[in-house]
């Protein structure tokens, strides 16, 4: 449903008008009774996601998810604070 408001009302009630637009209404803004603009919801479209878009661009080592003994040693037995490392 189109609702017409004057410029002054549109300026003072913009938040309420935006709520109405988000709910699907269209608002016509008029100056001296003549329509000059239409406040409508933005049509957002989701981008078409294509699986495998990074294929051939990214390489993972075969041991990608294997534990790293050096990191484990630091994690379990390394210094807790940076001043202890010195």
Protein backbone atom coordinates (compact mmCIF):
# COMPACT_ATOMS: atom_id res chain seq x y z
CA UNK A 1 0.00 0.00 0.00
CA UNK A 2 1.41 3.40 -0.98
CA UNK A 3 1.32 6.07 1.67
CA UNK A 4 2.00 9.71 0.86
CA UNK A 5 3.73 12.04 3.30
CA UNK A 6 5.01 15.57 2.95
CA UNK A 7 8.69 16.46 3.19
CA UNK A 8 8.41 17.81 6.75
CA UNK A 9 6.73 14.63 7.99
CA UNK A 10 9.30 12.50 6.17
CA UNK A 11 12.14 14.37 7.90
CA UNK A 12 10.60 14.17 11.37
CA UNK A 13 9.31 10.58 11.10
CA UNK A 14 12.08 8.99 9.03
CA UNK A 15 12.73 6.12 11.48
CA UNK A 16 9.05 5.13 11.54
CA UNK A 17 8.82 5.40 7.77
CA UNK A 18 11.87 3.15 7.38
CA UNK A 19 10.23 0.55 9.63
CA UNK A 20 7.15 0.63 7.40
CA UNK A 21 9.33 0.26 4.30
CA UNK A 22 11.15 -2.69 5.87
CA UNK A 23 7.74 -4.26 6.44
CA UNK A 24 7.07 -4.01 2.69
CA UNK A 25 5.22 -0.70 2.35
CA UNK A 26 6.13 1.98 -0.17
CA UNK A 27 6.15 5.61 0.90
CA UNK A 28 5.69 8.51 -1.52
CA UNK A 29 7.26 11.79 -0.41
CA UNK A 30 5.50 14.86 -1.72
CA UNK A 31 6.32 18.56 -1.85
CA UNK A 32 3.29 20.84 -1.86
CA UNK A 33 1.07 17.82 -2.54
CA UNK A 34 3.04 16.73 -5.62
CA UNK A 35 4.93 13.40 -5.42
CA UNK A 36 8.68 13.87 -5.82
CA UNK A 37 10.22 10.66 -4.44
CA UNK A 38 9.39 7.09 -3.52
CA UNK A 39 10.85 5.31 -0.48
CA UNK A 40 10.98 1.59 -1.29
CA UNK A 41 12.77 -1.43 0.21
CA UNK A 42 16.10 -2.38 -1.32
CA UNK A 43 15.90 -5.58 -3.33
CA UNK A 44 18.77 -7.62 -1.96
CA UNK A 45 19.85 -10.57 -3.98
CA UNK A 46 22.16 -13.23 -2.71
CA UNK A 47 25.18 -13.85 -4.91
CA UNK A 48 25.11 -17.15 -6.75
CA UNK A 49 27.56 -19.32 -4.85
CA UNK A 50 29.36 -21.84 -6.98
CA UNK A 51 30.95 -24.74 -5.08
CA UNK A 52 34.59 -25.28 -5.95
CA UNK A 53 35.27 -21.65 -6.79
CA UNK A 54 38.75 -21.86 -5.24
CA UNK A 55 39.66 -25.13 -6.95
CA UNK A 56 43.12 -24.88 -8.47
CA UNK A 57 43.89 -21.64 -6.59
CA UNK A 58 44.60 -23.06 -3.14
CA UNK A 59 47.03 -25.81 -2.20
CA UNK A 60 47.02 -27.75 1.08
CA UNK A 61 49.88 -29.89 2.25
CA UNK A 62 49.02 -33.57 2.63
CA UNK A 63 49.91 -33.31 6.33
CA UNK A 64 47.76 -30.19 6.82
CA UNK A 65 45.89 -31.51 9.85
CA UNK A 66 48.69 -33.61 11.30
CA UNK A 67 50.05 -32.51 14.70
CA UNK A 68 53.25 -30.45 14.73
CA UNK A 69 55.65 -31.77 17.41
CA UNK A 70 57.40 -28.40 17.77
CA UNK A 71 54.13 -26.55 18.36
CA UNK A 72 52.94 -29.22 20.79
CA UNK A 73 56.17 -28.91 22.75
CA UNK A 74 55.77 -25.14 22.98
CA UNK A 75 52.10 -25.46 23.89
CA UNK A 76 52.58 -27.97 26.70
CA UNK A 77 56.10 -27.14 27.90
CA UNK A 78 56.85 -23.64 26.62
CA UNK A 79 57.03 -20.39 28.56
CA UNK A 80 53.76 -19.04 29.89
CA UNK A 81 54.65 -15.34 29.84
CA UNK A 82 56.91 -13.51 27.44
CA UNK A 83 59.26 -12.40 30.27
CA UNK A 84 59.99 -16.06 31.11
CA UNK A 85 61.21 -16.66 27.56
CA UNK A 86 64.11 -14.26 28.04
